[in-house]
Amino acid sequence: FLFHILPTCEPKSVYCRMAMSATSGADISHSATIECLDTSSSSNGANDMVIFNVSGTTLLPGHQYHDPPIAKLVHIDVFGDDGSLHYSGNDLDPKSGQL
């Protein structure tokens, strides 16, 4: 998703960490730090370094085969110097995921 909305960022290094619940096996927390060069910011032959910090938590109250199905929700916020982008969607409602 990040490289779709920011195509001029070129990843240089990544650190990730993930943990899950031993009880459910489904409750997951994860984080990542991604260091990139912004190839669009070239001035005097140098590119700006951009650092993304990404984190998330999934807590699943049920599953898609439950009757009625229990939806999974996605919520993404991207903040930058010029503003922010927000994406949110419910996988049972395709119209809910408009950017």
C-alpha atoms as a PDB file:
ATOM      1  CA  PHE A   1       0.000   0.000   0.000  1.00  0.00           C
ATOM      2  CA  LEU A   2       2.737   2.475   0.941  1.00  0.00           C
ATOM      3  CA  PHE A   3       4.668   2.046  -2.295  1.00  0.00           C
ATOM      4  CA  HIS A   4       1.467   2.280  -4.313  1.00  0.00           C
ATOM      5  CA  ILE A   5       0.704   5.757  -2.941  1.00  0.00           C
ATOM      6  CA  LEU A   6       4.383   6.807  -2.731  1.00  0.00           C
ATOM      7  CA  PRO A   7       6.012   5.311  -5.845  1.00  0.00           C
ATOM      8  CA  THR A   8       9.174   7.451  -5.618  1.00  0.00           C
ATOM      9  CA  CYS A   9      10.236   5.851  -2.319  1.00  0.00           C
ATOM     10  CA  GLU A  10      12.910   3.201  -2.745  1.00  0.00           C
ATOM     11  CA  PRO A  11      13.291   0.836   0.266  1.00  0.00           C
ATOM     12  CA  LYS A  12      16.812   0.540   1.678  1.00  0.00           C
ATOM     13  CA  SER A  13      16.320  -1.264   4.999  1.00  0.00           C
ATOM     14  CA  VAL A  14      13.490  -2.869   6.978  1.00  0.00           C
ATOM     15  CA  TYR A  15      13.103  -4.039  10.558  1.00  0.00           C
ATOM     16  CA  CYS A  16       9.957  -5.986  11.528  1.00  0.00           C
ATOM     17  CA  ARG A  17       8.603  -7.613  14.656  1.00  0.00           C
ATOM     18  CA  MET A  18       5.428  -9.682  15.125  1.00  0.00           C
ATOM     19  CA  ALA A  19       3.866 -11.363  18.145  1.00  0.00           C
ATOM     20  CA  MET A  20       0.704 -13.440  18.468  1.00  0.00           C
ATOM     21  CA  SER A  21      -1.498 -14.751  21.220  1.00  0.00           C
ATOM     22  CA  ALA A  22      -0.517 -18.220  22.417  1.00  0.00           C
ATOM     23  CA  THR A  23      -4.164 -18.787  23.369  1.00  0.00           C
ATOM     24  CA  SER A  24      -5.985 -17.862  20.169  1.00  0.00           C
ATOM     25  CA  GLY A  25      -3.173 -17.874  17.612  1.00  0.00           C
ATOM     26  CA  ALA A  26      -5.087 -15.090  15.879  1.00  0.00           C
ATOM     27  CA  ASP A  27      -4.591 -11.962  17.967  1.00  0.00           C
ATOM     28  CA  ILE A  28      -1.530 -10.436  16.326  1.00  0.00           C
ATOM     29  CA  SER A  29       0.505  -7.294  16.948  1.00  0.00           C
ATOM     30  CA  HIS A  30       3.155  -6.212  14.498  1.00  0.00           C
ATOM     31  CA  SER A  31       5.417  -3.288  13.742  1.00  0.00           C
ATOM     32  CA  ALA A  32       7.914  -2.308  11.073  1.00  0.00           C
ATOM     33  CA  THR A  33      10.382   0.460  10.421  1.00  0.00           C
ATOM     34  CA  ILE A  34      11.128   1.005   6.736  1.00  0.00           C
ATOM     35  CA  GLU A  35      13.940   3.314   5.642  1.00  0.00           C
ATOM     36  CA  CYS A  36      13.655   4.632   2.048  1.00  0.00           C
ATOM     37  CA  LEU A  37      15.248   7.058  -0.361  1.00  0.00           C
ATOM     38  CA  ASP A  38      12.838   9.540  -1.926  1.00  0.00           C
ATOM     39  CA  THR A  39      14.015   9.579  -5.540  1.00  0.00           C
ATOM     40  CA  SER A  40      11.791  12.577  -6.377  1.00  0.00           C
ATOM     41  CA  SER A  41      13.639  14.871  -3.962  1.00  0.00           C
ATOM     42  CA  SER A  42      16.990  14.818  -5.751  1.00  0.00           C
ATOM     43  CA  SER A  43      18.802  18.095  -5.174  1.00  0.00           C
ATOM     44  CA  ASN A  44      22.551  18.380  -5.793  1.00  0.00           C
ATOM     45  CA  GLY A  45      22.604  14.629  -6.489  1.00  0.00           C
ATOM     46  CA  ALA A  46      21.363  13.711  -3.003  1.00  0.00           C
ATOM     47  CA  ASN A  47      18.049  12.050  -2.162  1.00  0.00           C
ATOM     48  CA  ASP A  48      16.102  12.627   1.047  1.00  0.00           C
ATOM     49  CA  MET A  49      15.814   9.766   3.499  1.00  0.00           C
ATOM     50  CA  VAL A  50      12.237   8.859   4.485  1.00  0.00           C
ATOM     51  CA  ILE A  51      11.381   6.653   7.464  1.00  0.00           C
ATOM     52  CA  PHE A  52       8.036   4.876   7.793  1.00  0.00           C
ATOM     53  CA  ASN A  53       6.852   3.431  11.068  1.00  0.00           C
ATOM     54  CA  VAL A  54       4.034   0.959  10.600  1.00  0.00           C
ATOM     55  CA  SER A  55       2.142  -0.835  13.342  1.00  0.00           C
ATOM     56  CA  GLY A  56      -1.022  -2.811  13.587  1.00  0.00           C
ATOM     57  CA  THR A  57      -3.112  -5.053  15.746  1.00  0.00           C
ATOM     58  CA  THR A  58      -5.616  -7.682  14.726  1.00  0.00           C
ATOM     59  CA  LEU A  59      -8.170  -8.914  17.187  1.00  0.00           C
ATOM     60  CA  LEU A  60     -10.578 -11.258  15.472  1.00  0.00           C
ATOM     61  CA  PRO A  61     -13.891 -11.754  17.284  1.00  0.00           C
ATOM     62  CA  GLY A  62     -14.977 -14.496  14.880  1.00  0.00           C
ATOM     63  CA  HIS A  63     -14.428 -15.659  11.338  1.00  0.00           C
ATOM     64  CA  GLN A  64     -15.913 -15.312   7.853  1.00  0.00           C
ATOM     65  CA  TYR A  65     -17.730 -18.675   8.042  1.00  0.00           C
ATOM     66  CA  HIS A  66     -19.744 -17.671  11.109  1.00  0.00           C
ATOM     67  CA  ASP A  67     -23.489 -17.258  10.527  1.00  0.00           C
ATOM     68  CA  PRO A  68     -23.889 -14.324   9.993  1.00  0.00           C
ATOM     69  CA  PRO A  69     -20.287 -13.621   8.863  1.00  0.00           C
ATOM     70  CA  ILE A  70     -18.234 -11.323  11.070  1.00  0.00           C
ATOM     71  CA  ALA A  71     -16.473  -8.617   9.081  1.00  0.00           C
ATOM     72  CA  LYS A  72     -12.821  -7.698   9.230  1.00  0.00           C
ATOM     73  CA  LEU A  73     -12.160  -3.962   9.392  1.00  0.00           C
ATOM     74  CA  VAL A  74      -9.124  -2.240   7.889  1.00  0.00           C
ATOM     75  CA  HIS A  75      -8.055   1.256   8.901  1.00  0.00           C
ATOM     76  CA  ILE A  76      -4.922   2.949   7.533  1.00  0.00           C
ATOM     77  CA  ASP A  77      -3.694   6.483   8.289  1.00  0.00           C
ATOM     78  CA  VAL A  78      -0.677   7.974   6.507  1.00  0.00           C
ATOM     79  CA  PHE A  79       0.633  11.308   7.804  1.00  0.00           C
ATOM     80  CA  GLY A  80       3.152  13.559   6.054  1.00  0.00           C
ATOM     81  CA  ASP A  81       4.403  17.115   5.784  1.00  0.00           C
ATOM     82  CA  ASP A  82       1.658  18.086   3.316  1.00  0.00           C
ATOM     83  CA  GLY A  83      -1.333  16.417   4.997  1.00  0.00           C
ATOM     84  CA  SER A  84      -2.679  12.929   5.482  1.00  0.00           C
ATOM     85  CA  LEU A  85      -4.424  10.055   3.700  1.00  0.00           C
ATOM     86  CA  HIS A  86      -7.024   7.870   5.387  1.00  0.00           C
ATOM     87  CA  TYR A  87      -8.364   4.516   4.229  1.00  0.00           C
ATOM     88  CA  SER A  88     -10.959   2.427   6.014  1.00  0.00           C
ATOM     89  CA  GLY A  89     -13.013  -0.515   4.856  1.00  0.00           C
ATOM     90  CA  ASN A  90     -15.198  -3.434   5.882  1.00  0.00           C
ATOM     91  CA  ASP A  91     -14.462  -6.583   3.853  1.00  0.00           C
ATOM     92  CA  LEU A  92     -18.166  -7.527   3.738  1.00  0.00           C
ATOM     93  CA  ASP A  93     -19.031  -4.198   2.065  1.00  0.00           C
ATOM     94  CA  PRO A  94     -16.923  -3.551  -1.085  1.00  0.00           C
ATOM     95  CA  LYS A  95     -18.210   0.044  -1.326  1.00  0.00           C
ATOM     96  CA  SER A  96     -16.798   0.870   2.136  1.00  0.00           C
ATOM     97  CA  GLY A  97     -13.148   0.836   0.994  1.00  0.00           C
ATOM     98  CA  GLN A  98     -13.040   4.046  -1.004  1.00  0.00           C
ATOM     99  CA  LEU A  99      -9.828   6.058  -0.693  1.00  0.00           C
END
